[in-house]
Amino acid sequence: MSKIKTQAFINGKIITTNEKFSINEAFLVEGELISQVGSTEEILKNCQPDTAMIDLNGKVVIPGLIDCHAHLDREGLKSVFPSLGKVRSIKDIQNRLAELSKQYKPGEWIVTMPIGDAPTYFNVPEILEEKRFPTREELDAVTPNNPVYIKPIWGFWRHSFPLVSIANSKALEIANINKETEAMSDLITIDRDKSGNPTGIFYENTMMPILELTTFNMIPGFTKENRVLGIKEACLAYHQYATTSIFEEHGVVTELLSAYKEAEVEGLLTMRTGLVISPIWDHESKKNFNEFLQRWLGWLGEPTIGSKHLKTTGLFVDINPTKDNALRAKALPYTGWSGFNYDTALSPEEAFDLCLACVENNIRVVAIWPNMIDILYRVHKQFSLKGRRWVLGHISSLSSEDIDKIAEMELLVSTHTNRYIYKEGHLLKEKLGKDRENEISPVKSLLDKGVVVALATDNVPVSLFYPMWQVLKRQSLWTQEIIGKDQIITRENALRCATINGAKFAFEEDLKGSLEPGKYADFAILSNDPLICPIDEIKEIKSLATYVGGKLVYES
């Protein structure tokens, strides 16, 4: 039997996020666990001649961050289709397409990422010299032998309408789009010239594309290999910002769950991952939810099932079906960018019945919209939800009554500050009125009521230091105003929300989330100190080195 590898990390600032929020100098790692935390002198006393010594030289170490609404897999898919680059004119787009066409045989699809600058794709087409999108004729001029499709953004990257995709003439012909074609949804606009012919430009007033899953479903999509290798790339991207665990509360479907399992088997999954199941409902399964759960999802009952790196826990529940989601769902089992089932929503009464069945089968419910609060509360009045750790994620605005109900049910709550403070906070403030602006992402009010609150990125961007900065600064991207200043929390609490609180979503607070003896050695050495650096520098913090189970998984 090989000897357990021992590593001593000394002469640093170790922010433990333990119950006392202790600050230490050093810690000892034996194998994948932390065995001791203390002063450098104390740690050195327990070192053996073969202990690996890592001198931190005053650097800050924190527990690995835990992203509770990550969409990690999506990050790894961003390099599957070629980027157009930082184009600033239609000529730039033409030059890039001409260059790409050399890599394709005549007749092969050329599919690219959207026009604009990743990751947010703001100010398009205004960033182009012509202040407009290219037409099919302009694409035809440089790609006469190939069908071309410029993908729309995944709307949650930018959080604004419309999504715009562009096809050349060959692509339109293959998709059977002509002068007589009508849009399948009132959310879609087919741009036309003065003669009524399609220009090749499509506008979708929705956050999730419909066209590429329906009308253009013949274009190349993401393969299983793309998803598996993408998970490896995505883990590295998140590790760069000190994230060592994620929780996918929006749910995953079979194609993504299968990719995660294969990534783990192949040793590519370096992220501790908690997955929630995204269901697919039909008429038969909705007749008797209890019977359906017992037959097909009984294995999902708590405690969680899985391994150290991959666990499954919880069922995603949603209400209010829409026609556009039914259209997207026609592409199943393929889900494109989402990785979750589009058509999960039930009627409020169906959702209530499902939740009751989940109680009976000890399956916890995970929801991401405030419209589920009253349904969960109705369930709670029949069967107490205390201690069950049901989840309400993605919070936008909550009234004091909502917060009281959440606290009474002991729900776990995750934020989406990238959207509801940073990008849309000024719009919510205008909608609610100044007297109610402290209802927007009310993190402090929730914490004051004893609610477990965790932070999340939603993959926009991947760094959890942005949400940490957002709950501390609460500043609008567009107007620079402070959104709900009474909800500003301390740096210590922000770090707890990004670490130990997130561990509770996977029932793993005894294993991770703080740097204490007996816990996984999941931690990161940082480029700056989040407790004392200027507040605006928090969002720029990166990891110098990230460890999962004592193993180095990223080094800058």
Protein backbone atom coordinates (compact mmCIF):
# COMPACT_ATOMS: atom_id res chain seq x y z
CA MET A 1 0.00 0.00 0.00
CA SER A 2 1.41 3.40 -1.00
CA LYS A 3 2.02 5.94 1.73
CA ILE A 4 -0.51 8.79 2.05
CA LYS A 5 0.90 11.97 0.55
CA THR A 6 1.31 14.71 3.17
CA GLN A 7 1.50 18.41 2.29
CA ALA A 8 2.11 21.35 4.61
CA PHE A 9 0.92 24.81 3.56
CA ILE A 10 2.68 27.35 5.78
CA ASN A 11 3.20 31.09 6.28
CA GLY A 12 -0.12 32.16 4.79
CA LYS A 13 -3.42 33.73 5.76
CA ILE A 14 -5.86 30.84 6.05
CA ILE A 15 -9.49 32.00 6.08
CA THR A 16 -11.24 28.92 7.43
CA THR A 17 -14.93 30.05 7.27
CA ASN A 18 -15.46 27.72 10.22
CA GLU A 19 -18.06 28.55 12.86
CA LYS A 20 -15.77 31.14 14.49
CA PHE A 21 -14.46 32.39 11.13
CA SER A 22 -10.93 31.73 12.40
CA ILE A 23 -7.87 33.08 10.61
CA ASN A 24 -4.78 30.85 10.78
CA GLU A 25 -1.31 30.65 9.27
CA ALA A 26 -1.01 27.09 8.06
CA PHE A 27 -2.63 23.70 7.60
CA LEU A 28 -1.63 20.11 6.95
CA VAL A 29 -3.12 17.88 4.26
CA GLU A 30 -2.92 14.10 4.45
CA GLY A 31 -4.15 12.45 1.30
CA GLU A 32 -7.40 14.16 0.35
CA LEU A 33 -8.24 15.45 3.84
CA ILE A 34 -7.15 18.32 6.05
CA SER A 35 -5.60 16.90 9.21
CA GLN A 36 -4.60 20.04 11.10
CA VAL A 37 -5.07 23.83 10.98
CA GLY A 38 -3.03 26.21 13.11
CA SER A 39 0.09 28.31 13.28
CA THR A 40 3.09 27.57 11.08
CA GLU A 41 5.00 26.48 14.17
CA GLU A 42 2.26 24.02 15.16
CA ILE A 43 2.06 22.53 11.68
CA LEU A 44 5.83 22.14 11.35
CA LYS A 45 5.90 20.08 14.55
CA ASN A 46 3.77 17.41 12.85
CA CYS A 47 5.66 17.33 9.56
CA GLN A 48 7.71 14.30 8.55
CA PRO A 49 10.94 14.38 6.52
CA ASP A 50 8.99 13.52 3.36
CA THR A 51 6.19 16.07 3.90
CA ALA A 52 5.87 18.38 0.88
CA MET A 53 6.35 21.96 2.09
CA ILE A 54 4.44 24.74 0.31
CA ASP A 55 5.43 28.22 1.52
CA LEU A 56 2.48 30.53 0.89
CA ASN A 57 4.60 33.66 1.47
CA GLY A 58 1.68 35.49 3.04
CA LYS A 59 -0.85 34.55 0.35
CA VAL A 60 -4.52 34.11 1.25
CA VAL A 61 -6.11 30.66 1.20
CA ILE A 62 -9.88 30.10 1.26
CA PRO A 63 -12.07 26.99 1.11
CA GLY A 64 -13.02 26.08 -2.44
CA LEU A 65 -15.96 28.16 -3.61
CA ILE A 66 -19.31 26.46 -4.21
CA ASP A 67 -21.45 27.71 -7.10
CA CYS A 68 -25.09 26.78 -6.51
CA HIS A 69 -26.43 27.56 -9.99
CA ALA A 70 -23.44 27.05 -12.24
CA HIS A 71 -24.42 25.60 -15.63
CA LEU A 72 -20.79 24.48 -15.73
CA ASP A 73 -21.24 22.32 -18.83
CA ARG A 74 -22.31 25.35 -20.86
CA GLU A 75 -18.89 26.94 -20.45
CA GLY A 76 -17.23 23.94 -22.08
CA LEU A 77 -19.49 24.15 -25.12
CA LYS A 78 -18.49 27.70 -26.03
CA SER A 79 -15.49 26.52 -28.02
CA VAL A 80 -17.28 23.81 -30.03
CA PHE A 81 -18.34 26.19 -32.80
CA PRO A 82 -15.79 28.70 -34.12
CA SER A 83 -15.92 32.27 -32.91
CA LEU A 84 -16.24 35.15 -35.34
CA GLY A 85 -13.82 37.07 -33.13
CA LYS A 86 -13.91 40.76 -32.24
CA VAL A 87 -15.51 41.81 -35.52
CA ARG A 88 -16.30 45.49 -35.97
CA SER A 89 -17.80 45.58 -39.46
CA ILE A 90 -19.66 43.39 -41.91
CA LYS A 91 -16.42 43.19 -43.90
CA ASP A 92 -14.74 41.72 -40.79
CA ILE A 93 -17.48 39.08 -40.62
CA GLN A 94 -17.07 38.30 -44.31
CA ASN A 95 -13.31 37.96 -43.93
CA ARG A 96 -13.71 35.59 -41.01
CA LEU A 97 -16.26 33.44 -42.85
CA ALA A 98 -14.05 33.33 -45.94
CA GLU A 99 -11.19 32.14 -43.77
CA LEU A 100 -13.37 29.50 -42.10
CA SER A 101 -14.76 28.24 -45.44
CA LYS A 102 -11.29 26.95 -46.37
CA GLN A 103 -11.67 24.34 -43.61
CA TYR A 104 -14.94 22.93 -44.97
CA LYS A 105 -15.84 20.83 -47.99
CA PRO A 106 -18.49 22.19 -50.39
CA GLY A 107 -21.93 21.52 -48.97
CA GLU A 108 -20.80 21.21 -45.35
CA TRP A 109 -22.49 23.42 -42.78
CA ILE A 110 -20.49 26.33 -41.41
CA VAL A 111 -21.95 27.13 -38.00
CA THR A 112 -20.41 29.89 -35.87
CA MET A 113 -20.84 31.51 -32.50
CA PRO A 114 -22.82 34.79 -32.42
CA ILE A 115 -21.69 38.21 -33.57
CA GLY A 116 -20.26 40.21 -30.66
CA ASP A 117 -17.81 39.98 -27.82
CA ALA A 118 -18.07 37.04 -25.43
CA PRO A 119 -19.19 36.40 -22.76
CA THR A 120 -22.05 38.95 -22.74
CA TYR A 121 -22.41 39.99 -26.41
CA PHE A 122 -23.50 43.51 -25.45
CA ASN A 123 -24.21 46.31 -27.98
CA VAL A 124 -24.82 44.29 -31.13
CA PRO A 125 -25.13 45.40 -33.95
CA GLU A 126 -24.06 48.84 -32.67
CA ILE A 127 -20.45 47.64 -32.40
CA LEU A 128 -20.44 47.12 -36.19
CA GLU A 129 -19.47 50.01 -38.42
CA GLU A 130 -22.69 49.65 -40.42
CA LYS A 131 -24.87 49.47 -37.25
CA ARG A 132 -26.79 46.56 -38.77
CA PHE A 133 -26.57 42.81 -39.25
CA PRO A 134 -25.24 41.26 -42.48
CA THR A 135 -27.78 39.86 -44.94
CA ARG A 136 -27.81 36.47 -46.63
CA GLU A 137 -26.42 38.03 -49.83
CA GLU A 138 -23.44 39.37 -47.90
CA LEU A 139 -22.80 35.91 -46.47
CA ASP A 140 -23.32 34.34 -49.91
CA ALA A 141 -20.57 36.54 -51.34
CA VAL A 142 -17.88 34.77 -49.31
CA THR A 143 -19.46 31.33 -48.75
CA PRO A 144 -21.12 30.43 -52.07
CA ASN A 145 -20.55 26.68 -51.64
CA ASN A 146 -21.65 26.13 -48.05
CA PRO A 147 -24.78 26.64 -45.97
CA VAL A 148 -23.95 29.12 -43.20
CA TYR A 149 -25.69 29.71 -39.88
CA ILE A 150 -24.51 32.31 -37.37
CA LYS A 151 -25.96 31.19 -34.06
CA PRO A 152 -27.94 33.48 -31.75
CA ILE A 153 -26.70 34.06 -28.23
CA TRP A 154 -28.01 32.05 -25.32
CA GLY A 155 -30.13 34.91 -24.02
CA PHE A 156 -29.11 34.61 -20.38
CA TRP A 157 -25.57 35.69 -21.27
CA ARG A 158 -26.84 39.22 -21.93
CA HIS A 159 -30.32 39.20 -20.38
CA SER A 160 -31.91 41.27 -23.12
CA PHE A 161 -33.88 40.71 -26.31
CA PRO A 162 -33.74 39.97 -29.17
CA LEU A 163 -31.70 36.91 -30.02
CA VAL A 164 -30.45 37.24 -33.59
CA SER A 165 -29.37 34.48 -35.96
CA ILE A 166 -28.36 34.80 -39.59
CA ALA A 167 -28.45 32.28 -42.44
CA ASN A 168 -27.17 32.48 -46.00
CA SER A 169 -29.20 31.47 -49.05
CA LYS A 170 -28.09 27.82 -49.07
CA ALA A 171 -29.07 27.49 -45.42
CA LEU A 172 -32.48 29.06 -46.09
CA GLU A 173 -33.04 26.67 -48.97
CA ILE A 174 -32.17 23.60 -46.86
CA ALA A 175 -34.46 24.84 -44.06
CA ASN A 176 -37.21 25.46 -46.64
CA ILE A 177 -37.58 29.15 -45.77
CA ASN A 178 -38.88 31.36 -48.55
CA LYS A 179 -41.21 34.26 -49.30
CA GLU A 180 -44.27 32.28 -48.19
CA THR A 181 -42.82 31.00 -44.92
CA GLU A 182 -44.52 32.21 -41.76
CA ALA A 183 -42.91 32.28 -38.33
CA MET A 184 -43.95 29.35 -36.12
CA SER A 185 -44.22 31.58 -33.04
CA ASP A 186 -45.16 35.17 -32.35
CA LEU A 187 -41.81 35.40 -30.57
CA ILE A 188 -40.02 35.01 -33.92
CA THR A 189 -39.67 37.63 -36.65
CA ILE A 190 -38.41 36.69 -40.11
CA ASP A 191 -36.74 39.82 -41.46
CA ARG A 192 -37.74 40.60 -45.08
CA ASP A 193 -36.67 42.96 -47.83
CA LYS A 194 -39.03 45.30 -49.70
CA SER A 195 -40.15 42.43 -51.93
CA GLY A 196 -41.02 40.24 -48.97
CA ASN A 197 -38.10 37.87 -49.39
CA PRO A 198 -36.25 36.72 -46.25
CA THR A 199 -33.02 38.65 -45.67
CA GLY A 200 -31.57 35.74 -43.73
CA ILE A 201 -31.87 37.62 -40.41
CA PHE A 202 -34.09 36.20 -37.67
CA TYR A 203 -35.15 37.89 -34.44
CA GLU A 204 -36.35 35.93 -31.40
CA ASN A 205 -37.90 37.86 -28.51
CA THR A 206 -37.09 35.22 -25.94
CA MET A 207 -34.14 34.18 -23.79
CA MET A 208 -33.77 30.66 -25.21
CA PRO A 209 -33.48 30.03 -28.97
CA ILE A 210 -36.34 28.30 -30.72
CA LEU A 211 -35.26 28.33 -34.37
CA GLU A 212 -32.09 26.27 -34.05
CA LEU A 213 -34.06 23.54 -32.26
CA THR A 214 -36.88 23.51 -34.81
CA THR A 215 -36.60 25.13 -38.24
CA PHE A 216 -32.81 24.79 -38.31
CA ASN A 217 -32.63 21.47 -36.47
CA MET A 218 -30.52 20.03 -39.30
CA ILE A 219 -27.48 22.12 -38.39
CA PRO A 220 -24.72 20.31 -36.48
CA GLY A 221 -25.39 20.25 -32.74
CA PHE A 222 -23.42 19.35 -29.64
CA THR A 223 -22.36 15.70 -29.56
CA LYS A 224 -21.84 13.56 -26.49
CA GLU A 225 -18.10 13.82 -27.06
CA ASN A 226 -18.44 17.63 -27.12
CA ARG A 227 -20.26 17.53 -23.80
CA VAL A 228 -17.80 15.14 -22.13
CA LEU A 229 -14.67 17.01 -23.23
CA GLY A 230 -16.48 20.28 -22.56
CA ILE A 231 -16.96 19.30 -18.92
CA LYS A 232 -13.19 18.91 -18.60
CA GLU A 233 -12.58 22.37 -20.12
CA ALA A 234 -15.34 23.91 -18.03
CA CYS A 235 -13.95 22.52 -14.77
CA LEU A 236 -10.66 24.23 -15.53
CA ALA A 237 -12.44 27.52 -16.32
CA TYR A 238 -14.24 27.50 -12.96
CA HIS A 239 -11.14 26.34 -11.06
CA GLN A 240 -9.38 29.48 -12.31
CA TYR A 241 -11.69 31.41 -10.00
CA ALA A 242 -11.35 29.11 -6.97
CA THR A 243 -14.56 27.11 -7.53
CA THR A 244 -14.26 23.48 -6.45
CA SER A 245 -17.94 22.46 -6.19
CA ILE A 246 -21.12 23.18 -8.12
CA PHE A 247 -24.83 22.48 -7.68
CA GLU A 248 -26.96 22.38 -10.84
CA GLU A 249 -30.32 23.39 -9.39
CA HIS A 250 -31.98 24.06 -12.75
CA GLY A 251 -31.78 20.33 -13.42
CA VAL A 252 -30.13 18.10 -16.01
CA VAL A 253 -31.57 15.72 -18.59
CA THR A 254 -30.30 12.29 -19.58
CA GLU A 255 -27.86 13.48 -22.26
CA LEU A 256 -26.04 15.70 -19.78
CA LEU A 257 -26.19 13.27 -16.85
CA SER A 258 -24.68 10.64 -19.16
CA ALA A 259 -21.88 13.05 -20.15
CA TYR A 260 -21.09 13.78 -16.50
CA LYS A 261 -20.93 10.06 -15.72
CA GLU A 262 -18.58 9.42 -18.63
CA ALA A 263 -16.41 12.39 -17.66
CA GLU A 264 -16.10 10.96 -14.15
CA VAL A 265 -15.24 7.46 -15.40
CA GLU A 266 -12.56 8.92 -17.68
CA GLY A 267 -11.07 10.98 -14.85
CA LEU A 268 -12.03 14.30 -16.45
CA LEU A 269 -14.39 15.49 -13.71
CA THR A 270 -12.29 17.47 -11.22
CA MET A 271 -15.29 19.41 -9.86
CA ARG A 272 -17.43 18.12 -7.01
CA THR A 273 -20.83 18.11 -8.67
CA GLY A 274 -24.39 17.92 -7.37
CA LEU A 275 -27.02 17.33 -10.04
CA VAL A 276 -30.79 17.78 -9.88
CA ILE A 277 -33.04 15.83 -12.25
CA SER A 278 -34.94 17.78 -14.91
CA PRO A 279 -38.14 15.78 -15.53
CA ILE A 280 -40.08 15.18 -18.71
CA TRP A 281 -43.82 14.98 -18.09
CA ASP A 282 -46.49 13.50 -20.29
CA HIS A 283 -50.19 12.86 -19.83
CA GLU A 284 -49.71 9.40 -18.37
CA SER A 285 -47.08 10.34 -15.79
CA LYS A 286 -49.26 13.22 -14.55
CA LYS A 287 -52.21 10.93 -13.78
CA ASN A 288 -50.61 9.66 -10.59
CA PHE A 289 -47.37 11.37 -9.56
CA ASN A 290 -46.88 9.15 -6.54
CA GLU A 291 -47.05 5.98 -8.61
CA PHE A 292 -44.76 7.48 -11.25
CA LEU A 293 -42.14 8.50 -8.68
CA GLN A 294 -42.22 5.08 -7.06
CA ARG A 295 -41.78 3.33 -10.40
CA TRP A 296 -39.14 5.52 -12.01
CA LEU A 297 -37.57 7.94 -9.53
CA GLY A 298 -37.59 6.10 -6.24
CA TRP A 299 -33.78 6.02 -6.35
CA LEU A 300 -33.80 9.84 -6.09
CA GLY A 301 -34.97 9.82 -2.46
CA GLU A 302 -32.58 11.26 0.12
CA PRO A 303 -29.85 10.72 1.11
CA THR A 304 -28.00 11.65 -2.06
CA ILE A 305 -26.71 8.96 -4.37
CA GLY A 306 -23.34 9.00 -6.08
CA SER A 307 -19.61 9.39 -5.51
CA LYS A 308 -17.20 11.94 -4.08
CA HIS A 309 -17.23 13.89 -7.34
CA LEU A 310 -20.71 13.25 -8.72
CA LYS A 311 -23.95 13.14 -6.77
CA THR A 312 -27.61 13.33 -7.71
CA THR A 313 -30.16 14.91 -5.41
CA GLY A 314 -33.56 16.47 -5.91
CA LEU A 315 -36.21 16.97 -8.59
CA PHE A 316 -36.73 20.24 -10.44
CA VAL A 317 -40.32 21.50 -10.25
CA ASP A 318 -41.72 24.36 -12.31
CA ILE A 319 -45.15 25.83 -13.12
CA ASN A 320 -47.03 27.59 -15.91
CA PRO A 321 -46.28 25.84 -19.24
CA THR A 322 -45.71 28.00 -22.34
CA LYS A 323 -46.21 27.23 -26.01
CA ASP A 324 -42.66 28.26 -26.90
CA ASN A 325 -41.17 25.74 -24.44
CA ALA A 326 -43.31 23.04 -26.04
CA LEU A 327 -41.74 23.99 -29.38
CA ARG A 328 -38.21 23.75 -27.97
CA ALA A 329 -39.02 20.40 -26.39
CA LYS A 330 -39.64 18.90 -29.83
CA ALA A 331 -35.87 18.59 -30.17
CA LEU A 332 -35.62 16.16 -27.23
CA PRO A 333 -33.55 14.24 -26.33
CA TYR A 334 -31.30 17.00 -27.69
CA THR A 335 -31.34 20.17 -25.55
CA GLY A 336 -28.75 22.45 -27.19
CA TRP A 337 -27.28 24.96 -24.77
CA SER A 338 -29.68 24.24 -21.94
CA GLY A 339 -28.79 20.78 -20.69
CA PHE A 340 -32.20 20.78 -18.99
CA ASN A 341 -35.61 19.84 -20.32
CA TYR A 342 -37.48 22.85 -21.66
CA ASP A 343 -40.99 21.59 -21.07
CA THR A 344 -40.83 20.90 -17.32
CA ALA A 345 -43.66 23.20 -16.27
CA LEU A 346 -46.90 21.94 -14.74
CA SER A 347 -50.09 23.70 -13.78
CA PRO A 348 -50.04 25.02 -10.19
CA GLU A 349 -52.34 22.23 -9.02
CA GLU A 350 -50.25 19.57 -10.78
CA ALA A 351 -47.11 21.00 -9.19
CA PHE A 352 -48.79 20.89 -5.77
CA ASP A 353 -49.74 17.24 -6.27
CA LEU A 354 -46.20 16.44 -7.43
CA CYS A 355 -44.71 18.12 -4.35
CA LEU A 356 -46.99 16.09 -2.08
CA ALA A 357 -45.80 12.93 -3.85
CA CYS A 358 -42.18 14.06 -3.38
CA VAL A 359 -42.79 14.38 0.37
CA GLU A 360 -44.17 10.85 0.48
CA ASN A 361 -41.17 9.50 -1.46
CA ASN A 362 -38.59 11.58 0.44
CA ILE A 363 -37.53 13.34 -2.75
CA ARG A 364 -36.65 16.95 -2.23
CA VAL A 365 -37.98 19.64 -4.54
CA VAL A 366 -35.80 22.25 -6.21
CA ALA A 367 -37.46 25.36 -7.68
CA ILE A 368 -36.00 28.53 -9.15
CA TRP A 369 -38.81 31.05 -9.37
CA PRO A 370 -40.70 32.93 -6.61
CA ASN A 371 -44.01 31.77 -8.12
CA MET A 372 -43.35 28.42 -6.42
CA ILE A 373 -43.30 29.87 -2.88
CA ASP A 374 -47.05 29.66 -2.26
CA ILE A 375 -47.23 26.12 -3.65
CA LEU A 376 -44.39 25.00 -1.38
CA TYR A 377 -46.06 26.73 1.55
CA ARG A 378 -49.32 24.86 0.91
CA VAL A 379 -47.35 21.62 1.04
CA HIS A 380 -45.63 22.78 4.22
CA LYS A 381 -48.98 23.34 5.92
CA GLN A 382 -49.83 19.67 5.35
CA PHE A 383 -46.38 18.15 5.84
CA SER A 384 -43.67 20.25 7.48
CA LEU A 385 -40.75 20.98 5.17
CA LYS A 386 -38.43 21.86 8.05
CA GLY A 387 -35.14 19.99 7.81
CA ARG A 388 -35.87 18.67 4.31
CA ARG A 389 -33.63 21.27 2.62
CA TRP A 390 -35.93 21.96 -0.27
CA VAL A 391 -34.46 24.65 -2.49
CA LEU A 392 -35.64 27.99 -3.86
CA GLY A 393 -33.00 29.28 -6.24
CA HIS A 394 -32.47 32.12 -8.66
CA ILE A 395 -34.23 34.64 -6.39
CA SER A 396 -35.14 38.00 -7.90
CA SER A 397 -37.32 40.02 -5.51
CA LEU A 398 -38.98 38.78 -2.34
CA SER A 399 -41.48 40.50 -0.06
CA SER A 400 -41.14 40.33 3.72
CA GLU A 401 -44.04 37.86 3.69
CA ASP A 402 -42.14 35.68 1.19
CA ILE A 403 -39.06 35.76 3.41
CA ASP A 404 -41.09 34.77 6.48
CA LYS A 405 -42.51 31.77 4.59
CA ILE A 406 -39.07 30.76 3.32
CA ALA A 407 -37.65 30.94 6.85
CA GLU A 408 -40.56 28.94 8.29
CA MET A 409 -40.10 26.20 5.66
CA GLU A 410 -36.31 26.25 6.17
CA LEU A 411 -35.75 26.42 2.43
CA LEU A 412 -32.22 26.78 1.09
CA VAL A 413 -31.92 29.85 -1.13
CA SER A 414 -29.50 30.73 -3.92
CA THR A 415 -29.06 34.12 -5.54
CA HIS A 416 -28.75 35.36 -9.10
CA THR A 417 -27.15 38.73 -8.48
CA ASN A 418 -25.48 38.83 -11.90
CA ARG A 419 -28.94 39.33 -13.31
CA TYR A 420 -31.13 40.85 -10.62
CA ILE A 421 -28.66 43.34 -9.13
CA TYR A 422 -25.95 43.91 -11.74
CA LYS A 423 -27.80 43.75 -15.08
CA GLU A 424 -31.48 44.26 -14.22
CA GLY A 425 -31.44 45.81 -10.76
CA HIS A 426 -32.23 49.29 -12.09
CA LEU A 427 -35.23 47.88 -13.98
CA LEU A 428 -36.54 46.05 -10.90
CA LYS A 429 -36.05 49.22 -8.84
CA GLU A 430 -38.08 51.20 -11.37
CA LYS A 431 -40.79 48.50 -11.42
CA LEU A 432 -41.09 48.08 -7.65
CA GLY A 433 -40.55 51.70 -6.68
CA LYS A 434 -37.95 53.19 -4.38
CA ASP A 435 -39.87 52.15 -1.26
CA ARG A 436 -39.54 48.49 -2.20
CA GLU A 437 -36.02 48.37 -3.67
CA ASN A 438 -34.75 46.42 -0.65
CA GLU A 439 -36.91 43.51 -1.84
CA ILE A 440 -34.44 43.04 -4.72
CA SER A 441 -32.09 40.12 -3.95
CA PRO A 442 -32.73 40.63 -0.21
CA VAL A 443 -29.72 38.65 1.01
CA LYS A 444 -29.35 40.44 4.35
CA SER A 445 -33.04 40.08 5.21
CA LEU A 446 -32.84 36.36 4.48
CA LEU A 447 -29.68 35.89 6.53
CA ASP A 448 -31.20 37.88 9.40
CA LYS A 449 -34.10 35.39 9.43
CA GLY A 450 -31.68 32.47 9.67
CA VAL A 451 -32.11 31.36 6.03
CA VAL A 452 -29.18 29.52 4.43
CA VAL A 453 -28.21 31.63 1.41
CA ALA A 454 -25.66 30.56 -1.22
CA LEU A 455 -24.22 32.46 -4.16
CA ALA A 456 -24.37 31.48 -7.82
CA THR A 457 -23.03 32.65 -11.19
CA ASP A 458 -25.50 31.12 -13.69
CA ASN A 459 -22.39 30.98 -15.91
CA VAL A 460 -22.47 34.78 -16.57
CA PRO A 461 -19.51 35.04 -15.92
CA VAL A 462 -18.01 31.93 -14.31
CA SER A 463 -16.31 33.73 -11.41
CA LEU A 464 -18.12 33.59 -8.05
CA PHE A 465 -16.12 36.65 -7.02
CA TYR A 466 -18.57 38.69 -9.13
CA PRO A 467 -21.60 37.65 -7.02
CA MET A 468 -19.50 38.22 -3.89
CA TRP A 469 -18.75 41.75 -5.09
CA GLN A 470 -22.39 42.26 -6.08
CA VAL A 471 -23.80 41.43 -2.63
CA LEU A 472 -21.22 43.79 -1.11
CA LYS A 473 -21.43 46.70 -3.57
CA ARG A 474 -24.94 46.16 -5.08
CA GLN A 475 -24.15 48.46 -8.00
CA SER A 476 -26.01 48.57 -11.32
CA LEU A 477 -23.94 47.95 -14.43
CA TRP A 478 -25.94 50.43 -16.48
CA THR A 479 -26.78 53.30 -14.11
CA GLN A 480 -24.05 52.84 -11.46
CA GLU A 481 -26.71 53.36 -8.75
CA ILE A 482 -26.80 51.26 -5.59
CA ILE A 483 -29.67 48.77 -5.59
CA GLY A 484 -31.13 48.19 -2.12
CA LYS A 485 -28.33 49.54 0.06
CA ASP A 486 -29.97 48.14 3.23
CA GLN A 487 -29.27 44.64 1.86
CA ILE A 488 -25.48 45.06 1.81
CA ILE A 489 -23.83 42.32 3.88
CA THR A 490 -20.40 41.89 5.46
CA ARG A 491 -17.44 40.40 3.64
CA GLU A 492 -17.40 37.53 6.12
CA ASN A 493 -21.01 36.69 5.34
CA ALA A 494 -20.40 36.97 1.60
CA LEU A 495 -17.58 34.44 1.90
CA ARG A 496 -19.78 32.13 3.99
CA CYS A 497 -22.48 32.33 1.30
CA ALA A 498 -19.89 31.28 -1.28
CA THR A 499 -18.50 28.38 0.75
CA ILE A 500 -20.03 26.64 3.80
CA ASN A 501 -23.61 27.66 2.98
CA GLY A 502 -23.29 26.14 -0.49
CA ALA A 503 -22.05 22.87 0.99
CA LYS A 504 -25.45 22.43 2.64
CA PHE A 505 -27.15 22.17 -0.78
CA ALA A 506 -25.50 18.77 -1.28
CA PHE A 507 -25.76 17.78 2.43
CA GLU A 508 -21.96 17.98 2.58
CA GLU A 509 -21.21 20.66 5.17
CA ASP A 510 -19.41 18.00 7.23
CA LEU A 511 -17.14 17.28 4.26
CA LYS A 512 -16.44 20.64 2.63
CA GLY A 513 -17.12 24.37 2.72
CA SER A 514 -14.58 25.23 5.42
CA LEU A 515 -10.96 24.43 6.18
CA GLU A 516 -11.15 22.14 9.20
CA PRO A 517 -9.62 18.81 10.21
CA GLY A 518 -11.47 15.86 8.68
CA LYS A 519 -12.82 17.80 5.71
CA TYR A 520 -11.82 17.53 2.07
CA ALA A 521 -8.73 19.53 1.18
CA ASP A 522 -10.67 21.66 -1.32
CA PHE A 523 -9.13 25.14 -1.33
CA ALA A 524 -7.61 27.91 -3.41
CA ILE A 525 -4.62 30.24 -3.04
CA LEU A 526 -5.81 33.70 -4.12
CA SER A 527 -4.38 36.64 -6.01
CA ASN A 528 -5.86 39.08 -3.47
CA ASP A 529 -7.45 39.16 -0.04
CA PRO A 530 -11.27 39.42 -0.27
CA LEU A 531 -11.51 40.55 3.37
CA ILE A 532 -9.36 43.68 3.09
CA CYS A 533 -8.74 44.58 -0.57
CA PRO A 534 -10.60 47.58 -2.10
CA ILE A 535 -14.14 46.40 -2.70
CA ASP A 536 -14.04 46.82 -6.49
CA GLU A 537 -10.97 44.57 -6.67
CA ILE A 538 -12.95 41.61 -5.31
CA LYS A 539 -14.52 40.91 -8.70
CA GLU A 540 -11.03 40.71 -10.25
CA ILE A 541 -9.70 38.06 -7.85
CA LYS A 542 -8.39 34.87 -9.41
CA SER A 543 -6.95 31.68 -8.08
CA LEU A 544 -3.20 31.20 -8.18
CA ALA A 545 -3.66 27.51 -7.43
CA THR A 546 -6.77 25.41 -6.82
CA TYR A 547 -6.84 22.04 -5.06
CA VAL A 548 -9.59 19.42 -4.89
CA GLY A 549 -9.05 16.63 -2.39
CA GLY A 550 -5.45 17.75 -1.93
CA LYS A 551 -4.77 17.42 -5.65
CA LEU A 552 -3.67 20.44 -7.68
CA VAL A 553 -6.30 20.92 -10.41
CA TYR A 554 -5.34 24.43 -11.55
CA GLU A 555 -2.25 26.60 -11.37
CA SER A 556 -1.91 30.03 -12.92
